[in-house]
Amino acid sequence: VEEVREGGLRYLYRRGGFSRGTEVRAFAEGAEP
């Protein structure tokens, strides 16, 4: 599952009792990601 968030993305995975997640966020000088 992909979730779009302000300035970033979050990915979630689940199968039964096994789950993992990843969150990617960006920050920039003088700009808004």
PDB file of all heavy atoms in Angstrom:
ATOM      1  N   VAL A   1       0.853  -1.190   0.000  1.00  0.00           N
ATOM      2  CA  VAL A   1       0.000   0.000   0.000  1.00  0.00           C
ATOM      3  C   VAL A   1       0.886   1.236   0.000  1.00  0.00           C
ATOM      4  O   VAL A   1       1.805   1.349   0.814  1.00  0.00           O
ATOM      5  CB  VAL A   1      -0.932   0.014   1.232  1.00  0.00           C
ATOM      6  CG1 VAL A   1      -1.751   1.300   1.266  1.00  0.00           C
ATOM      7  CG2 VAL A   1      -1.835  -1.208   1.232  1.00  0.00           C
ATOM      8  N   GLU A   2       0.618   2.164  -0.905  1.00  0.00           N
ATOM      9  CA  GLU A   2       1.360   3.419  -0.982  1.00  0.00           C
ATOM     10  C   GLU A   2       0.504   4.556  -0.446  1.00  0.00           C
ATOM     11  O   GLU A   2      -0.658   4.695  -0.833  1.00  0.00           O
ATOM     12  CB  GLU A   2       1.767   3.715  -2.427  1.00  0.00           C
ATOM     13  CG  GLU A   2       2.558   5.017  -2.581  1.00  0.00           C
ATOM     14  CD  GLU A   2       2.791   5.388  -4.038  1.00  0.00           C
ATOM     15  OE1 GLU A   2       1.791   5.565  -4.772  1.00  0.00           O
ATOM     16  OE2 GLU A   2       3.959   5.503  -4.437  1.00  0.00           O
ATOM     17  N   GLU A   3       1.076   5.365   0.438  1.00  0.00           N
ATOM     18  CA  GLU A   3       0.393   6.541   0.969  1.00  0.00           C
ATOM     19  C   GLU A   3       1.193   7.783   0.595  1.00  0.00           C
ATOM     20  O   GLU A   3       2.392   7.860   0.878  1.00  0.00           O
ATOM     21  CB  GLU A   3       0.282   6.457   2.499  1.00  0.00           C
ATOM     22  CG  GLU A   3      -0.523   5.280   3.011  1.00  0.00           C
ATOM     23  CD  GLU A   3      -0.516   5.223   4.534  1.00  0.00           C
ATOM     24  OE1 GLU A   3       0.185   6.050   5.165  1.00  0.00           O
ATOM     25  OE2 GLU A   3      -1.206   4.345   5.090  1.00  0.00           O
ATOM     26  N   VAL A   4       0.530   8.753  -0.044  1.00  0.00           N
ATOM     27  CA  VAL A   4       1.183  10.014  -0.391  1.00  0.00           C
ATOM     28  C   VAL A   4       0.951  10.991   0.751  1.00  0.00           C
ATOM     29  O   VAL A   4      -0.186  11.250   1.149  1.00  0.00           O
ATOM     30  CB  VAL A   4       0.628  10.588  -1.708  1.00  0.00           C
ATOM     31  CG1 VAL A   4       1.295  11.925  -2.022  1.00  0.00           C
ATOM     32  CG2 VAL A   4       0.840   9.602  -2.846  1.00  0.00           C
ATOM     33  N   ARG A   5       2.039  11.536   1.276  1.00  0.00           N
ATOM     34  CA  ARG A   5       1.967  12.476   2.383  1.00  0.00           C
ATOM     35  C   ARG A   5       2.670  13.772   1.997  1.00  0.00           C
ATOM     36  O   ARG A   5       3.406  13.819   1.020  1.00  0.00           O
ATOM     37  CB  ARG A   5       2.622  11.873   3.629  1.00  0.00           C
ATOM     38  CG  ARG A   5       1.949  10.588   4.101  1.00  0.00           C
ATOM     39  CD  ARG A   5       2.571  10.079   5.378  1.00  0.00           C
ATOM     40  NE  ARG A   5       1.795   9.002   5.960  1.00  0.00           N
ATOM     41  CZ  ARG A   5       1.998   8.496   7.163  1.00  0.00           C
ATOM     42  NH1 ARG A   5       3.000   8.970   7.912  1.00  0.00           N
ATOM     43  NH2 ARG A   5       1.246   7.526   7.640  1.00  0.00           N
ATOM     44  N   GLU A   6       2.455  14.801   2.800  1.00  0.00           N
ATOM     45  CA  GLU A   6       3.094  16.080   2.520  1.00  0.00           C
ATOM     46  C   GLU A   6       4.615  15.932   2.590  1.00  0.00           C
ATOM     47  O   GLU A   6       5.168  15.587   3.617  1.00  0.00           O
ATOM     48  CB  GLU A   6       2.625  17.132   3.524  1.00  0.00           C
ATOM     49  CG  GLU A   6       3.177  18.531   3.230  1.00  0.00           C
ATOM     50  CD  GLU A   6       2.646  19.570   4.198  1.00  0.00           C
ATOM     51  OE1 GLU A   6       1.706  19.249   4.948  1.00  0.00           O
ATOM     52  OE2 GLU A   6       3.185  20.685   4.209  1.00  0.00           O
ATOM     53  N   GLY A   7       5.268  16.128   1.457  1.00  0.00           N
ATOM     54  CA  GLY A   7       6.725  16.052   1.398  1.00  0.00           C
ATOM     55  C   GLY A   7       7.282  14.647   1.418  1.00  0.00           C
ATOM     56  O   GLY A   7       8.487  14.474   1.552  1.00  0.00           O
ATOM     57  N   GLY A   8       6.408  13.626   1.275  1.00  0.00           N
ATOM     58  CA  GLY A   8       6.949  12.281   1.335  1.00  0.00           C
ATOM     59  C   GLY A   8       5.974  11.190   0.949  1.00  0.00           C
ATOM     60  O   GLY A   8       4.815  11.446   0.584  1.00  0.00           O
ATOM     61  N   LEU A   9       6.464   9.963   1.030  1.00  0.00           N
ATOM     62  CA  LEU A   9       5.693   8.768   0.683  1.00  0.00           C
ATOM     63  C   LEU A   9       5.884   7.718   1.766  1.00  0.00           C
ATOM     64  O   LEU A   9       6.969   7.611   2.362  1.00  0.00           O
ATOM     65  CB  LEU A   9       6.162   8.191  -0.652  1.00  0.00           C
ATOM     66  CG  LEU A   9       5.962   9.052  -1.892  1.00  0.00           C
ATOM     67  CD1 LEU A   9       6.859   8.565  -3.021  1.00  0.00           C
ATOM     68  CD2 LEU A   9       4.508   9.021  -2.334  1.00  0.00           C
ATOM     69  N   ARG A  10       4.831   6.920   1.989  1.00  0.00           N
ATOM     70  CA  ARG A  10       4.937   5.809   2.933  1.00  0.00           C
ATOM     71  C   ARG A  10       4.391   4.552   2.263  1.00  0.00           C
ATOM     72  O   ARG A  10       3.331   4.579   1.630  1.00  0.00           O
ATOM     73  CB  ARG A  10       4.148   6.102   4.212  1.00  0.00           C
ATOM     74  CG  ARG A  10       4.346   5.041   5.296  1.00  0.00           C
ATOM     75  CD  ARG A  10       3.632   5.435   6.568  1.00  0.00           C
ATOM     76  NE  ARG A  10       3.864   4.469   7.642  1.00  0.00           N
ATOM     77  CZ  ARG A  10       2.913   3.985   8.420  1.00  0.00           C
ATOM     78  NH1 ARG A  10       1.640   4.363   8.240  1.00  0.00           N
ATOM     79  NH2 ARG A  10       3.202   3.121   9.385  1.00  0.00           N
ATOM     80  N   TYR A  11       5.153   3.457   2.419  1.00  0.00           N
ATOM     81  CA  TYR A  11       4.768   2.173   1.844  1.00  0.00           C
ATOM     82  C   TYR A  11       4.607   1.161   2.975  1.00  0.00           C
ATOM     83  O   TYR A  11       5.446   1.084   3.884  1.00  0.00           O
ATOM     84  CB  TYR A  11       5.837   1.675   0.866  1.00  0.00           C
ATOM     85  CG  TYR A  11       6.017   2.574  -0.333  1.00  0.00           C
ATOM     86  CD1 TYR A  11       6.938   3.622  -0.292  1.00  0.00           C
ATOM     87  CD2 TYR A  11       5.277   2.376  -1.490  1.00  0.00           C
ATOM     88  CE1 TYR A  11       7.110   4.450  -1.393  1.00  0.00           C
ATOM     89  CE2 TYR A  11       5.445   3.205  -2.598  1.00  0.00           C
ATOM     90  CZ  TYR A  11       6.359   4.236  -2.532  1.00  0.00           C
ATOM     91  OH  TYR A  11       6.520   5.059  -3.628  1.00  0.00           O
ATOM     92  N   LEU A  12       3.530   0.388   2.913  1.00  0.00           N
ATOM     93  CA  LEU A  12       3.247  -0.618   3.928  1.00  0.00           C
ATOM     94  C   LEU A  12       3.012  -1.965   3.265  1.00  0.00           C
ATOM     95  O   LEU A  12       2.391  -2.039   2.193  1.00  0.00           O
ATOM     96  CB  LEU A  12       2.012  -0.233   4.750  1.00  0.00           C
ATOM     97  CG  LEU A  12       2.099   1.083   5.540  1.00  0.00           C
ATOM     98  CD1 LEU A  12       0.746   1.428   6.141  1.00  0.00           C
ATOM     99  CD2 LEU A  12       3.159   0.967   6.633  1.00  0.00           C
ATOM    100  N   TYR A  13       3.505  -3.025   3.926  1.00  0.00           N
ATOM    101  CA  TYR A  13       3.313  -4.382   3.411  1.00  0.00           C
ATOM    102  C   TYR A  13       2.935  -5.287   4.571  1.00  0.00           C
ATOM    103  O   TYR A  13       3.523  -5.222   5.653  1.00  0.00           O
ATOM    104  CB  TYR A  13       4.602  -4.901   2.770  1.00  0.00           C
ATOM    105  CG  TYR A  13       4.512  -6.333   2.282  1.00  0.00           C
ATOM    106  CD1 TYR A  13       3.889  -6.638   1.070  1.00  0.00           C
ATOM    107  CD2 TYR A  13       5.029  -7.372   3.049  1.00  0.00           C
ATOM    108  CE1 TYR A  13       3.797  -7.945   0.621  1.00  0.00           C
ATOM    109  CE2 TYR A  13       4.948  -8.691   2.605  1.00  0.00           C
ATOM    110  CZ  TYR A  13       4.328  -8.974   1.399  1.00  0.00           C
ATOM    111  OH  TYR A  13       4.222 -10.273   0.970  1.00  0.00           O
ATOM    112  N   ARG A  14       1.951  -6.144   4.345  1.00  0.00           N
ATOM    113  CA  ARG A  14       1.543  -7.090   5.380  1.00  0.00           C
ATOM    114  C   ARG A  14       1.106  -8.395   4.739  1.00  0.00           C
ATOM    115  O   ARG A  14       0.420  -8.413   3.709  1.00  0.00           O
ATOM    116  CB  ARG A  14       0.395  -6.529   6.214  1.00  0.00           C
ATOM    117  CG  ARG A  14      -0.055  -7.480   7.337  1.00  0.00           C
ATOM    118  CD  ARG A  14      -1.164  -6.867   8.163  1.00  0.00           C
ATOM    119  NE  ARG A  14      -0.721  -5.684   8.866  1.00  0.00           N
ATOM    120  CZ  ARG A  14      -0.044  -5.675  10.007  1.00  0.00           C
ATOM    121  NH1 ARG A  14       0.288  -6.844  10.569  1.00  0.00           N
ATOM    122  NH2 ARG A  14       0.302  -4.555  10.576  1.00  0.00           N
ATOM    123  N   ARG A  15       1.525  -9.482   5.378  1.00  0.00           N
ATOM    124  CA  ARG A  15       1.040 -10.817   5.044  1.00  0.00           C
ATOM    125  C   ARG A  15       0.946 -11.591   6.346  1.00  0.00           C
ATOM    126  O   ARG A  15       1.969 -11.929   6.945  1.00  0.00           O
ATOM    127  CB  ARG A  15       1.977 -11.519   4.069  1.00  0.00           C
ATOM    128  CG  ARG A  15       1.558 -12.957   3.752  1.00  0.00           C
ATOM    129  CD  ARG A  15       2.622 -13.667   2.947  1.00  0.00           C
ATOM    130  NE  ARG A  15       2.423 -15.103   2.962  1.00  0.00           N
ATOM    131  CZ  ARG A  15       3.353 -16.003   2.632  1.00  0.00           C
ATOM    132  NH1 ARG A  15       4.544 -15.593   2.242  1.00  0.00           N
ATOM    133  NH2 ARG A  15       3.083 -17.297   2.696  1.00  0.00           N
ATOM    134  N   GLY A  16      -0.243 -11.826   6.808  1.00  0.00           N
ATOM    135  CA  GLY A  16      -0.413 -12.498   8.084  1.00  0.00           C
ATOM    136  C   GLY A  16       0.278 -11.728   9.191  1.00  0.00           C
ATOM    137  O   GLY A  16       0.056 -10.521   9.367  1.00  0.00           O
ATOM    138  N   GLY A  17       1.129 -12.411   9.964  1.00  0.00           N
ATOM    139  CA  GLY A  17       1.832 -11.757  11.061  1.00  0.00           C
ATOM    140  C   GLY A  17       3.114 -11.067  10.655  1.00  0.00           C
ATOM    141  O   GLY A  17       3.829 -10.538  11.504  1.00  0.00           O
ATOM    142  N   PHE A  18       3.426 -11.054   9.355  1.00  0.00           N
ATOM    143  CA  PHE A  18       4.662 -10.432   8.866  1.00  0.00           C
ATOM    144  C   PHE A  18       4.322  -9.068   8.275  1.00  0.00           C
ATOM    145  O   PHE A  18       3.467  -8.955   7.380  1.00  0.00           O
ATOM    146  CB  PHE A  18       5.303 -11.311   7.793  1.00  0.00           C
ATOM    147  CG  PHE A  18       6.608 -10.773   7.258  1.00  0.00           C
ATOM    148  CD1 PHE A  18       7.800 -11.077   7.886  1.00  0.00           C
ATOM    149  CD2 PHE A  18       6.626  -9.962   6.134  1.00  0.00           C
ATOM    150  CE1 PHE A  18       9.004 -10.589   7.402  1.00  0.00           C
ATOM    151  CE2 PHE A  18       7.823  -9.460   5.639  1.00  0.00           C
ATOM    152  CZ  PHE A  18       9.020  -9.776   6.282  1.00  0.00           C
ATOM    153  N   SER A  19       4.985  -8.008   8.757  1.00  0.00           N
ATOM    154  CA  SER A  19       4.727  -6.675   8.214  1.00  0.00           C
ATOM    155  C   SER A  19       6.006  -5.855   8.192  1.00  0.00           C
ATOM    156  O   SER A  19       6.855  -5.977   9.074  1.00  0.00           O
ATOM    157  CB  SER A  19       3.654  -5.951   9.033  1.00  0.00           C
ATOM    158  OG  SER A  19       4.117  -5.669  10.340  1.00  0.00           O
ATOM    159  N   ARG A  20       6.118  -5.032   7.167  1.00  0.00           N
ATOM    160  CA  ARG A  20       7.245  -4.102   7.015  1.00  0.00           C
ATOM    161  C   ARG A  20       6.710  -2.773   6.469  1.00  0.00           C
ATOM    162  O   ARG A  20       5.638  -2.738   5.836  1.00  0.00           O
ATOM    163  CB  ARG A  20       8.304  -4.650   6.061  1.00  0.00           C
ATOM    164  CG  ARG A  20       9.016  -5.920   6.532  1.00  0.00           C
ATOM    165  CD  ARG A  20       9.947  -5.672   7.707  1.00  0.00           C
ATOM    166  NE  ARG A  20      10.660  -6.883   8.105  1.00  0.00           N
ATOM    167  CZ  ARG A  20      11.884  -7.181   7.739  1.00  0.00           C
ATOM    168  NH1 ARG A  20      12.543  -6.376   6.929  1.00  0.00           N
ATOM    169  NH2 ARG A  20      12.467  -8.288   8.168  1.00  0.00           N
ATOM    170  N   GLY A  21       7.474  -1.708   6.683  1.00  0.00           N
ATOM    171  CA  GLY A  21       7.087  -0.408   6.174  1.00  0.00           C
ATOM    172  C   GLY A  21       8.291   0.444   5.827  1.00  0.00           C
ATOM    173  O   GLY A  21       9.390   0.233   6.355  1.00  0.00           O
ATOM    174  N   THR A  22       8.083   1.405   4.932  1.00  0.00           N
ATOM    175  CA  THR A  22       9.145   2.330   4.513  1.00  0.00           C
ATOM    176  C   THR A  22       8.547   3.721   4.343  1.00  0.00           C
ATOM    177  O   THR A  22       7.501   3.876   3.696  1.00  0.00           O
ATOM    178  CB  THR A  22       9.767   1.912   3.164  1.00  0.00           C
ATOM    179  OG1 THR A  22      10.154   0.544   3.218  1.00  0.00           O
ATOM    180  CG2 THR A  22      10.965   2.779   2.827  1.00  0.00           C
ATOM    181  N   GLU A  23       9.187   4.721   4.922  1.00  0.00           N
ATOM    182  CA  GLU A  23       8.745   6.105   4.750  1.00  0.00           C
ATOM    183  C   GLU A  23       9.892   6.926   4.175  1.00  0.00           C
ATOM    184  O   GLU A  23      11.011   6.897   4.693  1.00  0.00           O
ATOM    185  CB  GLU A  23       8.286   6.710   6.077  1.00  0.00           C
ATOM    186  CG  GLU A  23       7.723   8.116   5.906  1.00  0.00           C
ATOM    187  CD  GLU A  23       7.120   8.665   7.188  1.00  0.00           C
ATOM    188  OE1 GLU A  23       7.469   8.164   8.274  1.00  0.00           O
ATOM    189  OE2 GLU A  23       6.306   9.603   7.103  1.00  0.00           O
ATOM    190  N   VAL A  24       9.597   7.646   3.077  1.00  0.00           N
ATOM    191  CA  VAL A  24      10.592   8.468   2.389  1.00  0.00           C
ATOM    192  C   VAL A  24      10.147   9.918   2.475  1.00  0.00           C
ATOM    193  O   VAL A  24       9.032  10.258   2.051  1.00  0.00           O
ATOM    194  CB  VAL A  24      10.745   8.051   0.913  1.00  0.00           C
ATOM    195  CG1 VAL A  24      11.848   8.862   0.238  1.00  0.00           C
ATOM    196  CG2 VAL A  24      11.031   6.562   0.795  1.00  0.00           C
ATOM    197  N   ARG A  25      11.017  10.784   2.999  1.00  0.00           N
ATOM    198  CA  ARG A  25      10.695  12.208   3.115  1.00  0.00           C
ATOM    199  C   ARG A  25      11.842  13.031   2.550  1.00  0.00           C
ATOM    200  O   ARG A  25      13.014  12.645   2.673  1.00  0.00           O
ATOM    201  CB  ARG A  25      10.433  12.607   4.562  1.00  0.00           C
ATOM    202  CG  ARG A  25       9.244  11.889   5.190  1.00  0.00           C
ATOM    203  CD  ARG A  25       8.922  12.446   6.569  1.00  0.00           C
ATOM    204  NE  ARG A  25       8.556  13.847   6.518  1.00  0.00           N
ATOM    205  CZ  ARG A  25       7.343  14.306   6.192  1.00  0.00           C
ATOM    206  NH1 ARG A  25       6.384  13.449   5.877  1.00  0.00           N
ATOM    207  NH2 ARG A  25       7.085  15.599   6.173  1.00  0.00           N
ATOM    208  N   ALA A  26      11.503  14.162   1.934  1.00  0.00           N
ATOM    209  CA  ALA A  26      12.513  15.034   1.331  1.00  0.00           C
ATOM    210  C   ALA A  26      12.450  16.431   1.942  1.00  0.00           C
ATOM    211  O   ALA A  26      11.375  16.904   2.346  1.00  0.00           O
ATOM    212  CB  ALA A  26      12.305  15.118  -0.174  1.00  0.00           C
ATOM    213  N   PHE A  27      13.613  17.085   2.004  1.00  0.00           N
ATOM    214  CA  PHE A  27      13.736  18.444   2.529  1.00  0.00           C
ATOM    215  C   PHE A  27      14.698  19.187   1.600  1.00  0.00           C
ATOM    216  O   PHE A  27      15.754  18.664   1.246  1.00  0.00           O
ATOM    217  CB  PHE A  27      14.288  18.426   3.953  1.00  0.00           C
ATOM    218  CG  PHE A  27      13.593  17.448   4.864  1.00  0.00           C
ATOM    219  CD1 PHE A  27      14.025  16.121   4.927  1.00  0.00           C
ATOM    220  CD2 PHE A  27      12.506  17.822   5.626  1.00  0.00           C
ATOM    221  CE1 PHE A  27      13.396  15.209   5.752  1.00  0.00           C
ATOM    222  CE2 PHE A  27      11.859  16.915   6.453  1.00  0.00           C
ATOM    223  CZ  PHE A  27      12.302  15.605   6.514  1.00  0.00           C
ATOM    224  N   ALA A  28      14.365  20.423   1.240  1.00  0.00           N
ATOM    225  CA  ALA A  28      15.199  21.157   0.287  1.00  0.00           C
ATOM    226  C   ALA A  28      15.391  22.598   0.729  1.00  0.00           C
ATOM    227  O   ALA A  28      14.481  23.209   1.306  1.00  0.00           O
ATOM    228  CB  ALA A  28      14.571  21.125  -1.106  1.00  0.00           C
ATOM    229  N   GLU A  29      16.569  23.134   0.453  1.00  0.00           N
ATOM    230  CA  GLU A  29      16.852  24.536   0.709  1.00  0.00           C
ATOM    231  C   GLU A  29      16.193  25.393  -0.369  1.00  0.00           C
ATOM    232  O   GLU A  29      16.419  25.183  -1.560  1.00  0.00           O
ATOM    233  CB  GLU A  29      18.363  24.794   0.684  1.00  0.00           C
ATOM    234  CG  GLU A  29      19.135  24.154   1.824  1.00  0.00           C
ATOM    235  CD  GLU A  29      20.632  24.433   1.719  1.00  0.00           C
ATOM    236  OE1 GLU A  29      21.080  24.847   0.629  1.00  0.00           O
ATOM    237  OE2 GLU A  29      21.323  24.240   2.730  1.00  0.00           O
ATOM    238  N   GLY A  30      15.373  26.310   0.052  1.00  0.00           N
ATOM    239  CA  GLY A  30      14.789  27.252  -0.892  1.00  0.00           C
ATOM    240  C   GLY A  30      13.756  26.657  -1.822  1.00  0.00           C
ATOM    241  O   GLY A  30      13.464  27.241  -2.868  1.00  0.00           O
ATOM    242  N   ALA A  31      13.201  25.495  -1.483  1.00  0.00           N
ATOM    243  CA  ALA A  31      12.180  24.875  -2.332  1.00  0.00           C
ATOM    244  C   ALA A  31      11.309  23.973  -1.481  1.00  0.00           C
ATOM    245  O   ALA A  31      11.710  23.542  -0.394  1.00  0.00           O
ATOM    246  CB  ALA A  31      12.819  24.070  -3.460  1.00  0.00           C
ATOM    247  N   GLU A  32      10.114  23.681  -1.966  1.00  0.00           N
ATOM    248  CA  GLU A  32       9.178  22.827  -1.251  1.00  0.00           C
ATOM    249  C   GLU A  32       9.007  21.520  -2.014  1.00  0.00           C
ATOM    250  O   GLU A  32       8.421  21.506  -3.105  1.00  0.00           O
ATOM    251  CB  GLU A  32       7.821  23.521  -1.120  1.00  0.00           C
ATOM    252  CG  GLU A  32       6.850  22.809  -0.193  1.00  0.00           C
ATOM    253  CD  GLU A  32       7.290  22.846   1.258  1.00  0.00           C
ATOM    254  OE1 GLU A  32       7.912  23.833   1.678  1.00  0.00           O
ATOM    255  OE2 GLU A  32       7.009  21.858   1.971  1.00  0.00           O
ATOM    256  N   PRO A  33       9.523  20.404  -1.488  1.00  0.00           N
ATOM    257  CA  PRO A  33       9.350  19.123  -2.180  1.00  0.00           C
ATOM    258  C   PRO A  33       7.875  18.752  -2.303  1.00  0.00           C
ATOM    259  O   PRO A  33       7.085  18.982  -1.379  1.00  0.00           O
ATOM    260  CB  PRO A  33      10.086  18.133  -1.274  1.00  0.00           C
ATOM    261  CG  PRO A  33      11.034  18.957  -0.469  1.00  0.00           C
ATOM    262  CD  PRO A  33      10.334  20.261  -0.259  1.00  0.00           C
TER     263      PRO A  33
END
